[in-house]
C-alpha atoms as a PDB file:
ATOM      1  CA  MET A   1      13.585-128.543 -41.690  1.00  0.00           C
ATOM      2  CA  ASP A   2      14.272-128.592 -45.319  1.00  0.00           C
ATOM      3  CA  THR A   3      10.657-129.017 -46.047  1.00  0.00           C
ATOM      4  CA  GLU A   4      10.130-125.951 -43.903  1.00  0.00           C
ATOM      5  CA  LYS A   5      12.672-123.908 -45.539  1.00  0.00           C
ATOM      6  CA  ASN A   6      11.231-124.852 -48.890  1.00  0.00           C
ATOM      7  CA  ILE A   7       7.549-123.872 -47.983  1.00  0.00           C
ATOM      8  CA  SER A   8       9.297-120.675 -46.887  1.00  0.00           C
ATOM      9  CA  LEU A   9      11.159-119.807 -49.829  1.00  0.00           C
ATOM     10  CA  GLY A  10       8.177-120.752 -52.034  1.00  0.00           C
ATOM     11  CA  ARG A  11       5.873-118.682 -50.121  1.00  0.00           C
ATOM     12  CA  PHE A  12       8.390-115.603 -50.307  1.00  0.00           C
ATOM     13  CA  GLY A  13       8.512-116.226 -53.945  1.00  0.00           C
ATOM     14  CA  ARG A  14       4.781-116.302 -54.248  1.00  0.00           C
ATOM     15  CA  PHE A  15       4.281-113.163 -51.950  1.00  0.00           C
ATOM     16  CA  ALA A  16       7.182-111.547 -54.360  1.00  0.00           C
ATOM     17  CA  CYS A  17       5.004-112.086 -57.432  1.00  0.00           C
ATOM     18  CA  SER A  18       1.924-111.040 -55.613  1.00  0.00           C
ATOM     19  CA  SER A  19       3.672-107.760 -54.639  1.00  0.00           C
ATOM     20  CA  LEU A  20       4.901-107.054 -58.183  1.00  0.00           C
ATOM     21  CA  ALA A  21       1.554-107.143 -59.633  1.00  0.00           C
ATOM     22  CA  SER A  22       0.001-105.140 -56.932  1.00  0.00           C
ATOM     23  CA  THR A  23       2.950-102.709 -57.016  1.00  0.00           C
ATOM     24  CA  ALA A  24       2.536-102.595 -60.893  1.00  0.00           C
ATOM     25  CA  VAL A  25      -0.977-101.616 -60.253  1.00  0.00           C
ATOM     26  CA  ASP A  26      -0.064 -99.294 -57.539  1.00  0.00           C
ATOM     27  CA  GLN A  27       2.616 -97.663 -59.761  1.00  0.00           C
ATOM     28  CA  LEU A  28       0.623 -97.205 -62.628  1.00  0.00           C
ATOM     29  CA  VAL A  29      -2.563 -95.660 -60.920  1.00  0.00           C
ATOM     30  CA  ALA A  30      -0.520 -93.417 -58.660  1.00  0.00           C
ATOM     31  CA  TRP A  31       1.361 -92.096 -61.723  1.00  0.00           C
ATOM     32  CA  ALA A  32      -1.574 -91.479 -63.500  1.00  0.00           C
ATOM     33  CA  LEU A  33      -3.448 -89.379 -60.889  1.00  0.00           C
ATOM     34  CA  PHE A  34      -0.088 -87.683 -59.706  1.00  0.00           C
ATOM     35  CA  ALA A  35      -0.507 -86.050 -63.392  1.00  0.00           C
ATOM     36  CA  ALA A  36      -4.389 -85.838 -63.433  1.00  0.00           C
ATOM     37  CA  PHE A  37      -4.410 -83.935 -59.926  1.00  0.00           C
ATOM     38  CA  ARG A  38      -1.457 -81.566 -60.752  1.00  0.00           C
ATOM     39  CA  GLY A  39      -3.735 -78.879 -61.982  1.00  0.00           C
ATOM     40  CA  LEU A  40      -6.126 -79.360 -59.287  1.00  0.00           C
ATOM     41  CA  PHE A  41      -3.756 -79.340 -56.300  1.00  0.00           C
ATOM     42  CA  VAL A  42      -1.459 -76.309 -57.197  1.00  0.00           C
ATOM     43  CA  GLY A  43       0.654 -75.494 -54.379  1.00  0.00           C
ATOM     44  CA  ALA A  44      -0.537 -78.563 -52.146  1.00  0.00           C
ATOM     45  CA  ASP A  45       2.034 -81.250 -53.289  1.00  0.00           C
ATOM     46  CA  PHE A  46       1.415 -83.384 -50.251  1.00  0.00           C
ATOM     47  CA  LEU A  47      -2.227 -83.267 -50.283  1.00  0.00           C
ATOM     48  CA  ARG A  48      -1.754 -84.350 -54.243  1.00  0.00           C
ATOM     49  CA  ILE A  49       0.581 -86.862 -53.453  1.00  0.00           C
ATOM     50  CA  LEU A  50      -1.368 -88.499 -50.243  1.00  0.00           C
ATOM     51  CA  ILE A  51      -4.735 -88.568 -52.452  1.00  0.00           C
ATOM     52  CA  ALA A  52      -3.116 -90.187 -55.249  1.00  0.00           C
ATOM     53  CA  THR A  53      -1.243 -92.627 -53.256  1.00  0.00           C
ATOM     54  CA  VAL A  54      -4.611 -93.453 -51.195  1.00  0.00           C
ATOM     55  CA  ILE A  55      -6.475 -94.182 -54.317  1.00  0.00           C
ATOM     56  CA  ALA A  56      -3.924 -96.229 -55.674  1.00  0.00           C
ATOM     57  CA  ARG A  57      -3.120 -98.193 -52.585  1.00  0.00           C
ATOM     58  CA  CYS A  58      -6.778 -99.008 -52.251  1.00  0.00           C
ATOM     59  CA  VAL A  59      -7.131-100.511 -55.743  1.00  0.00           C
ATOM     60  CA  SER A  60      -3.765-102.421 -55.167  1.00  0.00           C
ATOM     61  CA  MET A  61      -4.678-103.557 -51.567  1.00  0.00           C
ATOM     62  CA  ALA A  62      -7.772-105.292 -52.910  1.00  0.00           C
ATOM     63  CA  LEU A  63      -5.653-107.364 -55.579  1.00  0.00           C
ATOM     64  CA  ASN A  64      -3.016-107.965 -53.223  1.00  0.00           C
ATOM     65  CA  PHE A  65      -5.467-109.338 -50.412  1.00  0.00           C
ATOM     66  CA  THR A  66      -7.051-111.413 -52.848  1.00  0.00           C
ATOM     67  CA  ILE A  67      -3.839-113.019 -54.036  1.00  0.00           C
ATOM     68  CA  ASN A  68      -2.167-113.393 -50.756  1.00  0.00           C
ATOM     69  CA  ARG A  69      -5.010-115.107 -49.008  1.00  0.00           C
ATOM     70  CA  ARG A  70      -5.600-117.439 -51.918  1.00  0.00           C
ATOM     71  CA  VAL A  71      -2.223-118.129 -53.278  1.00  0.00           C
ATOM     72  CA  VAL A  72       0.563-117.034 -50.774  1.00  0.00           C
ATOM     73  CA  PHE A  73      -0.470-117.976 -47.550  1.00  0.00           C
ATOM     74  CA  SER A  74      -3.144-120.502 -48.415  1.00  0.00           C
ATOM     75  CA  GLN A  75      -0.792-123.672 -47.735  1.00  0.00           C
ATOM     76  CA  GLU A  76      -0.530-122.886 -44.157  1.00  0.00           C
ATOM     77  CA  ASP A  77      -2.366-125.222 -41.675  1.00  0.00           C
ATOM     78  CA  PRO A  78      -5.746-124.368 -41.335  1.00  0.00           C
ATOM     79  CA  ALA A  79      -5.097-124.300 -37.628  1.00  0.00           C
ATOM     80  CA  VAL A  80      -2.959-121.492 -37.398  1.00  0.00           C
ATOM     81  CA  THR A  81      -4.547-119.540 -40.250  1.00  0.00           C
ATOM     82  CA  ARG A  82      -6.590-116.588 -39.327  1.00  0.00           C
ATOM     83  CA  ASP A  83     -10.221-116.551 -40.812  1.00  0.00           C
ATOM     84  CA  ARG A  84     -10.998-114.006 -43.836  1.00  0.00           C
ATOM     85  CA  HIS A  85     -12.465-111.166 -41.753  1.00  0.00           C
ATOM     86  CA  GLU A  86      -9.672-111.128 -39.083  1.00  0.00           C
ATOM     87  CA  SER A  87      -7.169-111.213 -41.607  1.00  0.00           C
ATOM     88  CA  MET A  88      -8.661-108.575 -43.797  1.00  0.00           C
ATOM     89  CA  GLN A  89      -9.042-106.190 -40.551  1.00  0.00           C
ATOM     90  CA  ARG A  90      -5.470-106.716 -39.926  1.00  0.00           C
ATOM     91  CA  PHE A  91      -4.397-106.440 -43.424  1.00  0.00           C
ATOM     92  CA  ILE A  92      -6.194-102.830 -43.825  1.00  0.00           C
ATOM     93  CA  LEU A  93      -4.462-101.791 -40.565  1.00  0.00           C
ATOM     94  CA  LEU A  94      -0.874-102.857 -41.639  1.00  0.00           C
ATOM     95  CA  GLU A  95      -1.486-101.454 -45.201  1.00  0.00           C
ATOM     96  CA  VAL A  96      -2.645 -98.164 -43.625  1.00  0.00           C
ATOM     97  CA  GLY A  97       0.437 -98.018 -41.747  1.00  0.00           C
ATOM     98  CA  ILE A  98       2.194 -98.907 -44.912  1.00  0.00           C
ATOM     99  CA  LEU A  99       0.455 -96.081 -46.859  1.00  0.00           C
ATOM    100  CA  CYS A 100       1.154 -93.408 -44.294  1.00  0.00           C
ATOM    101  CA  LEU A 101       4.988 -94.473 -44.582  1.00  0.00           C
ATOM    102  CA  SER A 102       4.810 -94.271 -48.107  1.00  0.00           C
ATOM    103  CA  SER A 103       3.077 -91.080 -48.451  1.00  0.00           C
ATOM    104  CA  MET A 104       5.350 -89.390 -45.889  1.00  0.00           C
ATOM    105  CA  GLY A 105       8.564 -91.021 -47.586  1.00  0.00           C
ATOM    106  CA  VAL A 106       7.528 -89.738 -51.002  1.00  0.00           C
ATOM    107  CA  TRP A 107       6.687 -86.388 -49.869  1.00  0.00           C
ATOM    108  CA  ALA A 108      10.008 -86.204 -47.780  1.00  0.00           C
ATOM    109  CA  ALA A 109      12.196 -87.522 -50.867  1.00  0.00           C
ATOM    110  CA  HIS A 110      10.284 -84.696 -53.206  1.00  0.00           C
ATOM    111  CA  MET A 111      10.584 -81.859 -50.869  1.00  0.00           C
ATOM    112  CA  ALA A 112      13.845 -82.422 -49.119  1.00  0.00           C
ATOM    113  CA  LEU A 113      15.745 -84.021 -52.049  1.00  0.00           C
ATOM    114  CA  GLY A 114      13.763 -82.745 -55.093  1.00  0.00           C
ATOM    115  CA  THR A 115      13.349 -86.029 -56.413  1.00  0.00           C
ATOM    116  CA  PRO A 116      10.104 -86.395 -58.668  1.00  0.00           C
ATOM    117  CA  GLU A 117       7.472 -88.490 -56.970  1.00  0.00           C
ATOM    118  CA  TRP A 118       7.211 -90.903 -59.715  1.00  0.00           C
ATOM    119  CA  GLN A 119      10.763 -91.683 -58.831  1.00  0.00           C
ATOM    120  CA  ALA A 120      10.840 -91.379 -55.265  1.00  0.00           C
ATOM    121  CA  LYS A 121       7.523 -93.577 -54.971  1.00  0.00           C
ATOM    122  CA  PRO A 122       9.325 -97.216 -56.504  1.00  0.00           C
ATOM    123  CA  MET A 123      12.166 -96.533 -54.073  1.00  0.00           C
ATOM    124  CA  VAL A 124      10.127 -95.714 -50.729  1.00  0.00           C
ATOM    125  CA  ASP A 125       7.931 -98.575 -51.642  1.00  0.00           C
ATOM    126  CA  LEU A 126      10.843-100.828 -52.039  1.00  0.00           C
ATOM    127  CA  ALA A 127      12.192-100.264 -48.895  1.00  0.00           C
ATOM    128  CA  LEU A 128       8.767-100.974 -47.399  1.00  0.00           C
ATOM    129  CA  PHE A 129       8.523-104.534 -49.034  1.00  0.00           C
ATOM    130  CA  PHE A 130      10.146-106.352 -46.134  1.00  0.00           C
ATOM    131  CA  LEU A 131       8.215-104.748 -43.650  1.00  0.00           C
ATOM    132  CA  ASN A 132       5.069-105.519 -45.235  1.00  0.00           C
ATOM    133  CA  TYR A 133       6.026-109.243 -45.892  1.00  0.00           C
ATOM    134  CA  THR A 134       7.001-109.779 -42.347  1.00  0.00           C
ATOM    135  CA  GLY A 135       3.677-107.893 -40.902  1.00  0.00           C
ATOM    136  CA  GLN A 136       1.530-110.127 -43.305  1.00  0.00           C
ATOM    137  CA  ARG A 137       3.242-113.599 -42.421  1.00  0.00           C
ATOM    138  CA  LYS A 138       3.472-113.013 -38.638  1.00  0.00           C
ATOM    139  CA  TRP A 139       0.295-110.763 -37.985  1.00  0.00           C
ATOM    140  CA  VAL A 140      -2.137-110.850 -40.843  1.00  0.00           C
ATOM    141  CA  PHE A 141      -2.623-114.287 -42.218  1.00  0.00           C
ATOM    142  CA  ILE A 142      -1.125-116.703 -39.504  1.00  0.00           C
ATOM    143  CA  ASP A 143      -1.875-116.788 -35.801  1.00  0.00           C
ATOM    144  CA  GLN A 144       1.585-116.974 -34.211  1.00  0.00           C
ATOM    145  CA  ARG A 145       0.379-117.931 -30.728  1.00  0.00           C
ATOM    146  CA  GLU A 146      -1.441-120.755 -32.192  1.00  0.00           C
ATOM    147  CA  ALA A 147       1.247-122.029 -34.170  1.00  0.00           C
ATOM    148  CA  LYS A 148       3.629-122.118 -31.199  1.00  0.00           C
ATOM    149  CA  ARG A 149       1.002-123.405 -29.065  1.00  0.00           C
ATOM    150  CA  ILE A 150       0.461-126.333 -31.565  1.00  0.00           C
ATOM    151  CA  ALA A 151       4.165-126.967 -32.056  1.00  0.00           C
ATOM    152  CA  LEU A 152       4.759-127.270 -28.316  1.00  0.00           C
ATOM    153  CA  ALA A 153       1.861-129.732 -28.030  1.00  0.00           C
END
């Protein structure tokens, strides 16, 4: 049990570091695009925020998937680890959901509370961090049904 807990804490620590690196890239690209698109999308704040968020998230997703697949979840038993193709499909679906929640959260904070989008984005994304970790651990990289089957065998 202690070994399982240490692996899990190590995995969570690696995930946190991977997320910090990806988040830094995501935030910097988004902030740059928020400013760059301000003159292009006058009166269309949601569209400006959405497009900047999508571009930034695509860049950070590529980095995050690579790190998580090779470093964070690489120590799992190969019998319960999904193949790269299936993991990538699931990762993209999860991240599209997170992206939508992030865009809507930033927009809502910006419109309803008057929070500048560059301040709202880190707060919204921090709230989504734990949902993202759980989704990647339980659905993207590790086949829970296979892990349970092996544990029962």
